[in-house]
Amino acid sequence: ALFADTHNVAEGAGAAAFAAAMQQRER
């Protein structure tokens, strides 16, 4: 998602924050 939407490369830990945000999107 980060690459498609921003064209930034994120390593695994680098993408974890956005992964959590997607997990909690309804909140």
mmCIF file of all heavy atoms, coordinates in Angstrom:
data_MODEL
# 
_entry.id   MODEL 
# 
loop_
_atom_site.group_PDB 
_atom_site.id 
_atom_site.type_symbol 
_atom_site.label_atom_id 
_atom_site.label_alt_id 
_atom_site.label_comp_id 
_atom_site.label_asym_id 
_atom_site.label_entity_id 
_atom_site.label_seq_id 
_atom_site.pdbx_PDB_ins_code 
_atom_site.Cartn_x 
_atom_site.Cartn_y 
_atom_site.Cartn_z 
_atom_site.occupancy 
_atom_site.B_iso_or_equiv 
_atom_site.pdbx_formal_charge 
_atom_site.auth_seq_id 
_atom_site.auth_comp_id 
_atom_site.auth_asym_id 
_atom_site.auth_atom_id 
_atom_site.pdbx_PDB_model_num 
ATOM 1   N N   . ALA A 1 1  ? 0.827   -1.207 0.000  1.00 0.00 ? 1  ALA A N   1 
ATOM 2   C CA  . ALA A 1 1  ? 0.000   0.000  0.000  1.00 0.00 ? 1  ALA A CA  1 
ATOM 3   C C   . ALA A 1 1  ? 0.862   1.257  0.000  1.00 0.00 ? 1  ALA A C   1 
ATOM 4   O O   . ALA A 1 1  ? 0.590   2.213  -0.746 1.00 0.00 ? 1  ALA A O   1 
ATOM 5   C CB  . ALA A 1 1  ? -0.928  0.000  1.218  1.00 0.00 ? 1  ALA A CB  1 
ATOM 6   N N   . LEU A 1 2  ? 1.886   1.277  0.819  1.00 0.00 ? 2  LEU A N   1 
ATOM 7   C CA  . LEU A 1 2  ? 2.760   2.451  0.885  1.00 0.00 ? 2  LEU A CA  1 
ATOM 8   C C   . LEU A 1 2  ? 3.467   2.683  -0.448 1.00 0.00 ? 2  LEU A C   1 
ATOM 9   O O   . LEU A 1 2  ? 3.626   3.825  -0.888 1.00 0.00 ? 2  LEU A O   1 
ATOM 10  C CB  . LEU A 1 2  ? 3.788   2.285  2.007  1.00 0.00 ? 2  LEU A CB  1 
ATOM 11  C CG  . LEU A 1 2  ? 3.232   2.434  3.426  1.00 0.00 ? 2  LEU A CG  1 
ATOM 12  C CD1 . LEU A 1 2  ? 4.217   1.889  4.455  1.00 0.00 ? 2  LEU A CD1 1 
ATOM 13  C CD2 . LEU A 1 2  ? 2.902   3.894  3.731  1.00 0.00 ? 2  LEU A CD2 1 
ATOM 14  N N   . PHE A 1 3  ? 3.865   1.602  -1.098 1.00 0.00 ? 3  PHE A N   1 
ATOM 15  C CA  . PHE A 1 3  ? 4.529   1.762  -2.388 1.00 0.00 ? 3  PHE A CA  1 
ATOM 16  C C   . PHE A 1 3  ? 3.542   2.229  -3.453 1.00 0.00 ? 3  PHE A C   1 
ATOM 17  O O   . PHE A 1 3  ? 3.835   3.150  -4.232 1.00 0.00 ? 3  PHE A O   1 
ATOM 18  C CB  . PHE A 1 3  ? 5.193   0.454  -2.821 1.00 0.00 ? 3  PHE A CB  1 
ATOM 19  C CG  . PHE A 1 3  ? 6.020   0.605  -4.063 1.00 0.00 ? 3  PHE A CG  1 
ATOM 20  C CD1 . PHE A 1 3  ? 7.236   1.277  -4.025 1.00 0.00 ? 3  PHE A CD1 1 
ATOM 21  C CD2 . PHE A 1 3  ? 5.582   0.096  -5.272 1.00 0.00 ? 3  PHE A CD2 1 
ATOM 22  C CE1 . PHE A 1 3  ? 7.994   1.440  -5.170 1.00 0.00 ? 3  PHE A CE1 1 
ATOM 23  C CE2 . PHE A 1 3  ? 6.335   0.246  -6.427 1.00 0.00 ? 3  PHE A CE2 1 
ATOM 24  C CZ  . PHE A 1 3  ? 7.552   0.918  -6.376 1.00 0.00 ? 3  PHE A CZ  1 
ATOM 25  N N   . ALA A 1 4  ? 2.375   1.631  -3.493 1.00 0.00 ? 4  ALA A N   1 
ATOM 26  C CA  . ALA A 1 4  ? 1.386   2.007  -4.503 1.00 0.00 ? 4  ALA A CA  1 
ATOM 27  C C   . ALA A 1 4  ? 0.906   3.445  -4.328 1.00 0.00 ? 4  ALA A C   1 
ATOM 28  O O   . ALA A 1 4  ? 0.722   4.174  -5.311 1.00 0.00 ? 4  ALA A O   1 
ATOM 29  C CB  . ALA A 1 4  ? 0.197   1.047  -4.435 1.00 0.00 ? 4  ALA A CB  1 
ATOM 30  N N   . ASP A 1 5  ? 0.715   3.862  -3.087 1.00 0.00 ? 5  ASP A N   1 
ATOM 31  C CA  . ASP A 1 5  ? 0.092   5.162  -2.823 1.00 0.00 ? 5  ASP A CA  1 
ATOM 32  C C   . ASP A 1 5  ? 1.086   6.310  -2.681 1.00 0.00 ? 5  ASP A C   1 
ATOM 33  O O   . ASP A 1 5  ? 0.710   7.478  -2.835 1.00 0.00 ? 5  ASP A O   1 
ATOM 34  C CB  . ASP A 1 5  ? -0.751  5.089  -1.551 1.00 0.00 ? 5  ASP A CB  1 
ATOM 35  C CG  . ASP A 1 5  ? -1.952  4.163  -1.699 1.00 0.00 ? 5  ASP A CG  1 
ATOM 36  O OD1 . ASP A 1 5  ? -2.182  3.645  -2.813 1.00 0.00 ? 5  ASP A OD1 1 
ATOM 37  O OD2 . ASP A 1 5  ? -2.661  3.946  -0.690 1.00 0.00 ? 5  ASP A OD2 1 
ATOM 38  N N   . THR A 1 6  ? 2.349   5.993  -2.342 1.00 0.00 ? 6  THR A N   1 
ATOM 39  C CA  . THR A 1 6  ? 3.329   7.074  -2.125 1.00 0.00 ? 6  THR A CA  1 
ATOM 40  C C   . THR A 1 6  ? 4.621   6.854  -2.903 1.00 0.00 ? 6  THR A C   1 
ATOM 41  O O   . THR A 1 6  ? 5.452   7.755  -2.963 1.00 0.00 ? 6  THR A O   1 
ATOM 42  C CB  . THR A 1 6  ? 3.701   7.191  -0.632 1.00 0.00 ? 6  THR A CB  1 
ATOM 43  O OG1 . THR A 1 6  ? 4.610   6.150  -0.268 1.00 0.00 ? 6  THR A OG1 1 
ATOM 44  C CG2 . THR A 1 6  ? 2.472   7.137  0.258  1.00 0.00 ? 6  THR A CG2 1 
ATOM 45  N N   . HIS A 1 7  ? 4.800   5.660  -3.464 1.00 0.00 ? 7  HIS A N   1 
ATOM 46  C CA  . HIS A 1 7  ? 6.035   5.266  -4.143 1.00 0.00 ? 7  HIS A CA  1 
ATOM 47  C C   . HIS A 1 7  ? 7.248   5.375  -3.226 1.00 0.00 ? 7  HIS A C   1 
ATOM 48  O O   . HIS A 1 7  ? 8.368   5.627  -3.681 1.00 0.00 ? 7  HIS A O   1 
ATOM 49  C CB  . HIS A 1 7  ? 6.225   6.045  -5.446 1.00 0.00 ? 7  HIS A CB  1 
ATOM 50  C CG  . HIS A 1 7  ? 5.312   5.573  -6.525 1.00 0.00 ? 7  HIS A CG  1 
ATOM 51  N ND1 . HIS A 1 7  ? 5.004   6.332  -7.634 1.00 0.00 ? 7  HIS A ND1 1 
ATOM 52  C CD2 . HIS A 1 7  ? 4.604   4.421  -6.662 1.00 0.00 ? 7  HIS A CD2 1 
ATOM 53  C CE1 . HIS A 1 7  ? 4.159   5.668  -8.401 1.00 0.00 ? 7  HIS A CE1 1 
ATOM 54  N NE2 . HIS A 1 7  ? 3.906   4.496  -7.825 1.00 0.00 ? 7  HIS A NE2 1 
ATOM 55  N N   . ASN A 1 8  ? 7.023   5.145  -1.935 1.00 0.00 ? 8  ASN A N   1 
ATOM 56  C CA  . ASN A 1 8  ? 8.111   4.990  -0.974 1.00 0.00 ? 8  ASN A CA  1 
ATOM 57  C C   . ASN A 1 8  ? 8.272   3.517  -0.643 1.00 0.00 ? 8  ASN A C   1 
ATOM 58  O O   . ASN A 1 8  ? 7.279   2.805  -0.446 1.00 0.00 ? 8  ASN A O   1 
ATOM 59  C CB  . ASN A 1 8  ? 7.807   5.750  0.321  1.00 0.00 ? 8  ASN A CB  1 
ATOM 60  C CG  . ASN A 1 8  ? 8.157   7.219  0.229  1.00 0.00 ? 8  ASN A CG  1 
ATOM 61  O OD1 . ASN A 1 8  ? 9.231   7.642  0.647  1.00 0.00 ? 8  ASN A OD1 1 
ATOM 62  N ND2 . ASN A 1 8  ? 7.249   8.011  -0.329 1.00 0.00 ? 8  ASN A ND2 1 
ATOM 63  N N   . VAL A 1 9  ? 9.519   3.068  -0.576 1.00 0.00 ? 9  VAL A N   1 
ATOM 64  C CA  . VAL A 1 9  ? 9.813   1.695  -0.174 1.00 0.00 ? 9  VAL A CA  1 
ATOM 65  C C   . VAL A 1 9  ? 9.902   1.647  1.350  1.00 0.00 ? 9  VAL A C   1 
ATOM 66  O O   . VAL A 1 9  ? 10.623  2.429  1.963  1.00 0.00 ? 9  VAL A O   1 
ATOM 67  C CB  . VAL A 1 9  ? 11.135  1.212  -0.791 1.00 0.00 ? 9  VAL A CB  1 
ATOM 68  C CG1 . VAL A 1 9  ? 11.515  -0.167 -0.250 1.00 0.00 ? 9  VAL A CG1 1 
ATOM 69  C CG2 . VAL A 1 9  ? 11.032  1.180  -2.307 1.00 0.00 ? 9  VAL A CG2 1 
ATOM 70  N N   . ALA A 1 10 ? 9.161   0.732  1.951  1.00 0.00 ? 10 ALA A N   1 
ATOM 71  C CA  . ALA A 1 10 ? 9.208   0.524  3.396  1.00 0.00 ? 10 ALA A CA  1 
ATOM 72  C C   . ALA A 1 10 ? 9.690   -0.885 3.677  1.00 0.00 ? 10 ALA A C   1 
ATOM 73  O O   . ALA A 1 10 ? 9.219   -1.843 3.064  1.00 0.00 ? 10 ALA A O   1 
ATOM 74  C CB  . ALA A 1 10 ? 7.829   0.730  4.019  1.00 0.00 ? 10 ALA A CB  1 
ATOM 75  N N   . GLU A 1 11 ? 10.652  -1.022 4.585  1.00 0.00 ? 11 GLU A N   1 
ATOM 76  C CA  . GLU A 1 11 ? 11.006  -2.352 5.067  1.00 0.00 ? 11 GLU A CA  1 
ATOM 77  C C   . GLU A 1 11 ? 9.880   -2.849 5.967  1.00 0.00 ? 11 GLU A C   1 
ATOM 78  O O   . GLU A 1 11 ? 8.936   -2.108 6.270  1.00 0.00 ? 11 GLU A O   1 
ATOM 79  C CB  . GLU A 1 11 ? 12.338  -2.318 5.808  1.00 0.00 ? 11 GLU A CB  1 
ATOM 80  C CG  . GLU A 1 11 ? 12.359  -1.419 7.033  1.00 0.00 ? 11 GLU A CG  1 
ATOM 81  C CD  . GLU A 1 11 ? 13.762  -1.281 7.610  1.00 0.00 ? 11 GLU A CD  1 
ATOM 82  O OE1 . GLU A 1 11 ? 14.133  -2.125 8.448  1.00 0.00 ? 11 GLU A OE1 1 
ATOM 83  O OE2 . GLU A 1 11 ? 14.491  -0.338 7.211  1.00 0.00 ? 11 GLU A OE2 1 
ATOM 84  N N   . GLY A 1 12 ? 9.984   -4.094 6.416  1.00 0.00 ? 12 GLY A N   1 
ATOM 85  C CA  . GLY A 1 12 ? 8.895   -4.664 7.202  1.00 0.00 ? 12 GLY A CA  1 
ATOM 86  C C   . GLY A 1 12 ? 8.528   -3.835 8.419  1.00 0.00 ? 12 GLY A C   1 
ATOM 87  O O   . GLY A 1 12 ? 7.365   -3.440 8.596  1.00 0.00 ? 12 GLY A O   1 
ATOM 88  N N   . ALA A 1 13 ? 9.519   -3.561 9.280  1.00 0.00 ? 13 ALA A N   1 
ATOM 89  C CA  . ALA A 1 13 ? 9.238   -2.748 10.468 1.00 0.00 ? 13 ALA A CA  1 
ATOM 90  C C   . ALA A 1 13 ? 8.792   -1.347 10.078 1.00 0.00 ? 13 ALA A C   1 
ATOM 91  O O   . ALA A 1 13 ? 7.972   -0.728 10.761 1.00 0.00 ? 13 ALA A O   1 
ATOM 92  C CB  . ALA A 1 13 ? 10.473  -2.689 11.360 1.00 0.00 ? 13 ALA A CB  1 
ATOM 93  N N   . GLY A 1 14 ? 9.308   -0.843 8.951  1.00 0.00 ? 14 GLY A N   1 
ATOM 94  C CA  . GLY A 1 14 ? 8.941   0.489  8.497  1.00 0.00 ? 14 GLY A CA  1 
ATOM 95  C C   . GLY A 1 14 ? 7.488   0.610  8.084  1.00 0.00 ? 14 GLY A C   1 
ATOM 96  O O   . GLY A 1 14 ? 6.912   1.695  8.104  1.00 0.00 ? 14 GLY A O   1 
ATOM 97  N N   . ALA A 1 15 ? 6.890   -0.511 7.694  1.00 0.00 ? 15 ALA A N   1 
ATOM 98  C CA  . ALA A 1 15 ? 5.485   -0.514 7.280  1.00 0.00 ? 15 ALA A CA  1 
ATOM 99  C C   . ALA A 1 15 ? 4.541   -0.915 8.395  1.00 0.00 ? 15 ALA A C   1 
ATOM 100 O O   . ALA A 1 15 ? 3.320   -0.843 8.229  1.00 0.00 ? 15 ALA A O   1 
ATOM 101 C CB  . ALA A 1 15 ? 5.302   -1.465 6.094  1.00 0.00 ? 15 ALA A CB  1 
ATOM 102 N N   . ALA A 1 16 ? 5.086   -1.344 9.525  1.00 0.00 ? 16 ALA A N   1 
ATOM 103 C CA  . ALA A 1 16 ? 4.253   -1.904 10.596 1.00 0.00 ? 16 ALA A CA  1 
ATOM 104 C C   . ALA A 1 16 ? 3.258   -0.893 11.148 1.00 0.00 ? 16 ALA A C   1 
ATOM 105 O O   . ALA A 1 16 ? 2.123   -1.248 11.494 1.00 0.00 ? 16 ALA A O   1 
ATOM 106 C CB  . ALA A 1 16 ? 5.133   -2.435 11.723 1.00 0.00 ? 16 ALA A CB  1 
ATOM 107 N N   . ALA A 1 17 ? 3.663   0.374  11.255 1.00 0.00 ? 17 ALA A N   1 
ATOM 108 C CA  . ALA A 1 17 ? 2.753   1.386  11.795 1.00 0.00 ? 17 ALA A CA  1 
ATOM 109 C C   . ALA A 1 17 ? 1.529   1.536  10.898 1.00 0.00 ? 17 ALA A C   1 
ATOM 110 O O   . ALA A 1 17 ? 0.395   1.619  11.384 1.00 0.00 ? 17 ALA A O   1 
ATOM 111 C CB  . ALA A 1 17 ? 3.476   2.720  11.939 1.00 0.00 ? 17 ALA A CB  1 
ATOM 112 N N   . PHE A 1 18 ? 1.753   1.552  9.589  1.00 0.00 ? 18 PHE A N   1 
ATOM 113 C CA  . PHE A 1 18 ? 0.603   1.677  8.689  1.00 0.00 ? 18 PHE A CA  1 
ATOM 114 C C   . PHE A 1 18 ? -0.231  0.399  8.699  1.00 0.00 ? 18 PHE A C   1 
ATOM 115 O O   . PHE A 1 18 ? -1.459  0.456  8.571  1.00 0.00 ? 18 PHE A O   1 
ATOM 116 C CB  . PHE A 1 18 ? 1.038   2.023  7.270  1.00 0.00 ? 18 PHE A CB  1 
ATOM 117 C CG  . PHE A 1 18 ? -0.124  2.371  6.373  1.00 0.00 ? 18 PHE A CG  1 
ATOM 118 C CD1 . PHE A 1 18 ? -0.861  3.518  6.608  1.00 0.00 ? 18 PHE A CD1 1 
ATOM 119 C CD2 . PHE A 1 18 ? -0.497  1.539  5.338  1.00 0.00 ? 18 PHE A CD2 1 
ATOM 120 C CE1 . PHE A 1 18 ? -1.964  3.841  5.813  1.00 0.00 ? 18 PHE A CE1 1 
ATOM 121 C CE2 . PHE A 1 18 ? -1.585  1.849  4.532  1.00 0.00 ? 18 PHE A CE2 1 
ATOM 122 C CZ  . PHE A 1 18 ? -2.321  3.002  4.778  1.00 0.00 ? 18 PHE A CZ  1 
ATOM 123 N N   . ALA A 1 19 ? 0.415   -0.745 8.872  1.00 0.00 ? 19 ALA A N   1 
ATOM 124 C CA  . ALA A 1 19 ? -0.332  -1.994 8.997  1.00 0.00 ? 19 ALA A CA  1 
ATOM 125 C C   . ALA A 1 19 ? -1.288  -1.933 10.187 1.00 0.00 ? 19 ALA A C   1 
ATOM 126 O O   . ALA A 1 19 ? -2.446  -2.358 10.101 1.00 0.00 ? 19 ALA A O   1 
ATOM 127 C CB  . ALA A 1 19 ? 0.633   -3.173 9.156  1.00 0.00 ? 19 ALA A CB  1 
ATOM 128 N N   . ALA A 1 20 ? -0.810  -1.383 11.300 1.00 0.00 ? 20 ALA A N   1 
ATOM 129 C CA  . ALA A 1 20 ? -1.666  -1.249 12.484 1.00 0.00 ? 20 ALA A CA  1 
ATOM 130 C C   . ALA A 1 20 ? -2.783  -0.251 12.237 1.00 0.00 ? 20 ALA A C   1 
ATOM 131 O O   . ALA A 1 20 ? -3.923  -0.457 12.682 1.00 0.00 ? 20 ALA A O   1 
ATOM 132 C CB  . ALA A 1 20 ? -0.830  -0.819 13.682 1.00 0.00 ? 20 ALA A CB  1 
ATOM 133 N N   . ALA A 1 21 ? -2.477  0.829  11.533 1.00 0.00 ? 21 ALA A N   1 
ATOM 134 C CA  . ALA A 1 21 ? -3.513  1.819  11.226 1.00 0.00 ? 21 ALA A CA  1 
ATOM 135 C C   . ALA A 1 21 ? -4.602  1.215  10.355 1.00 0.00 ? 21 ALA A C   1 
ATOM 136 O O   . ALA A 1 21 ? -5.799  1.486  10.550 1.00 0.00 ? 21 ALA A O   1 
ATOM 137 C CB  . ALA A 1 21 ? -2.881  3.035  10.549 1.00 0.00 ? 21 ALA A CB  1 
ATOM 138 N N   . MET A 1 22 ? -4.219  0.378  9.398  1.00 0.00 ? 22 MET A N   1 
ATOM 139 C CA  . MET A 1 22 ? -5.223  -0.294 8.570  1.00 0.00 ? 22 MET A CA  1 
ATOM 140 C C   . MET A 1 22 ? -6.046  -1.274 9.407  1.00 0.00 ? 22 MET A C   1 
ATOM 141 O O   . MET A 1 22 ? -7.260  -1.389 9.231  1.00 0.00 ? 22 MET A O   1 
ATOM 142 C CB  . MET A 1 22 ? -4.549  -1.026 7.404  1.00 0.00 ? 22 MET A CB  1 
ATOM 143 C CG  . MET A 1 22 ? -3.995  -0.106 6.335  1.00 0.00 ? 22 MET A CG  1 
ATOM 144 S SD  . MET A 1 22 ? -3.696  -0.939 4.746  1.00 0.00 ? 22 MET A SD  1 
ATOM 145 C CE  . MET A 1 22 ? -2.409  -2.095 5.203  1.00 0.00 ? 22 MET A CE  1 
ATOM 146 N N   . GLN A 1 23 ? -5.380  -1.969 10.323 1.00 0.00 ? 23 GLN A N   1 
ATOM 147 C CA  . GLN A 1 23 ? -6.085  -2.902 11.195 1.00 0.00 ? 23 GLN A CA  1 
ATOM 148 C C   . GLN A 1 23 ? -7.133  -2.183 12.047 1.00 0.00 ? 23 GLN A C   1 
ATOM 149 O O   . GLN A 1 23 ? -8.204  -2.713 12.320 1.00 0.00 ? 23 GLN A O   1 
ATOM 150 C CB  . GLN A 1 23 ? -5.058  -3.600 12.095 1.00 0.00 ? 23 GLN A CB  1 
ATOM 151 C CG  . GLN A 1 23 ? -5.602  -4.680 12.990 1.00 0.00 ? 23 GLN A CG  1 
ATOM 152 C CD  . GLN A 1 23 ? -4.527  -5.177 13.945 1.00 0.00 ? 23 GLN A CD  1 
ATOM 153 O OE1 . GLN A 1 23 ? -4.421  -4.707 15.071 1.00 0.00 ? 23 GLN A OE1 1 
ATOM 154 N NE2 . GLN A 1 23 ? -3.713  -6.123 13.493 1.00 0.00 ? 23 GLN A NE2 1 
ATOM 155 N N   . GLN A 1 24 ? -6.842  -0.940 12.439 1.00 0.00 ? 24 GLN A N   1 
ATOM 156 C CA  . GLN A 1 24 ? -7.735  -0.176 13.307 1.00 0.00 ? 24 GLN A CA  1 
ATOM 157 C C   . GLN A 1 24 ? -8.486  0.929  12.561 1.00 0.00 ? 24 GLN A C   1 
ATOM 158 O O   . GLN A 1 24 ? -8.929  1.905  13.170 1.00 0.00 ? 24 GLN A O   1 
ATOM 159 C CB  . GLN A 1 24 ? -6.935  0.441  14.457 1.00 0.00 ? 24 GLN A CB  1 
ATOM 160 C CG  . GLN A 1 24 ? -6.337  -0.575 15.413 1.00 0.00 ? 24 GLN A CG  1 
ATOM 161 C CD  . GLN A 1 24 ? -6.028  0.026  16.772 1.00 0.00 ? 24 GLN A CD  1 
ATOM 162 O OE1 . GLN A 1 24 ? -6.062  1.239  16.984 1.00 0.00 ? 24 GLN A OE1 1 
ATOM 163 N NE2 . GLN A 1 24 ? -5.729  -0.826 17.733 1.00 0.00 ? 24 GLN A NE2 1 
ATOM 164 N N   . ARG A 1 25 ? -8.657  0.761  11.268 1.00 0.00 ? 25 ARG A N   1 
ATOM 165 C CA  . ARG A 1 25 ? -9.225  1.853  10.469 1.00 0.00 ? 25 ARG A CA  1 
ATOM 166 C C   . ARG A 1 25 ? -10.603 2.295  10.961 1.00 0.00 ? 25 ARG A C   1 
ATOM 167 O O   . ARG A 1 25 ? -10.927 3.491  10.922 1.00 0.00 ? 25 ARG A O   1 
ATOM 168 C CB  . ARG A 1 25 ? -9.285  1.482  8.988  1.00 0.00 ? 25 ARG A CB  1 
ATOM 169 C CG  . ARG A 1 25 ? -10.137 0.280  8.648  1.00 0.00 ? 25 ARG A CG  1 
ATOM 170 C CD  . ARG A 1 25 ? -10.425 0.202  7.135  1.00 0.00 ? 25 ARG A CD  1 
ATOM 171 N NE  . ARG A 1 25 ? -9.237  0.114  6.330  1.00 0.00 ? 25 ARG A NE  1 
ATOM 172 C CZ  . ARG A 1 25 ? -8.633  -1.024 5.977  1.00 0.00 ? 25 ARG A CZ  1 
ATOM 173 N NH1 . ARG A 1 25 ? -9.106  -2.178 6.433  1.00 0.00 ? 25 ARG A NH1 1 
ATOM 174 N NH2 . ARG A 1 25 ? -7.578  -1.024 5.204  1.00 0.00 ? 25 ARG A NH2 1 
ATOM 175 N N   . GLU A 1 26 ? -11.437 1.384  11.411 1.00 0.00 ? 26 GLU A N   1 
ATOM 176 C CA  . GLU A 1 26 ? -12.777 1.774  11.852 1.00 0.00 ? 26 GLU A CA  1 
ATOM 177 C C   . GLU A 1 26 ? -12.725 2.647  13.103 1.00 0.00 ? 26 GLU A C   1 
ATOM 178 O O   . GLU A 1 26 ? -13.525 3.572  13.261 1.00 0.00 ? 26 GLU A O   1 
ATOM 179 C CB  . GLU A 1 26 ? -13.637 0.533  12.100 1.00 0.00 ? 26 GLU A CB  1 
ATOM 180 C CG  . GLU A 1 26 ? -13.983 -0.246 10.846 1.00 0.00 ? 26 GLU A CG  1 
ATOM 181 C CD  . GLU A 1 26 ? -14.663 0.635  9.790  1.00 0.00 ? 26 GLU A CD  1 
ATOM 182 O OE1 . GLU A 1 26 ? -15.522 1.474  10.176 1.00 0.00 ? 26 GLU A OE1 1 
ATOM 183 O OE2 . GLU A 1 26 ? -14.331 0.503  8.605  1.00 0.00 ? 26 GLU A OE2 1 
ATOM 184 N N   . ARG A 1 27 ? -11.791 2.372  13.979 1.00 0.00 ? 27 ARG A N   1 
ATOM 185 C CA  . ARG A 1 27 ? -11.683 3.148  15.215 1.00 0.00 ? 27 ARG A CA  1 
ATOM 186 C C   . ARG A 1 27 ? -11.306 4.597  14.932 1.00 0.00 ? 27 ARG A C   1 
ATOM 187 O O   . ARG A 1 27 ? -11.757 5.511  15.639 1.00 0.00 ? 27 ARG A O   1 
ATOM 188 C CB  . ARG A 1 27 ? -10.634 2.513  16.131 1.00 0.00 ? 27 ARG A CB  1 
ATOM 189 C CG  . ARG A 1 27 ? -10.449 3.271  17.438 1.00 0.00 ? 27 ARG A CG  1 
ATOM 190 C CD  . ARG A 1 27 ? -9.381  2.652  18.314 1.00 0.00 ? 27 ARG A CD  1 
ATOM 191 N NE  . ARG A 1 27 ? -9.213  3.426  19.538 1.00 0.00 ? 27 ARG A NE  1 
ATOM 192 C CZ  . ARG A 1 27 ? -8.263  3.229  20.435 1.00 0.00 ? 27 ARG A CZ  1 
ATOM 193 N NH1 . ARG A 1 27 ? -7.378  2.258  20.252 1.00 0.00 ? 27 ARG A NH1 1 
ATOM 194 N NH2 . ARG A 1 27 ? -8.187  3.983  21.511 1.00 0.00 ? 27 ARG A NH2 1 
# 
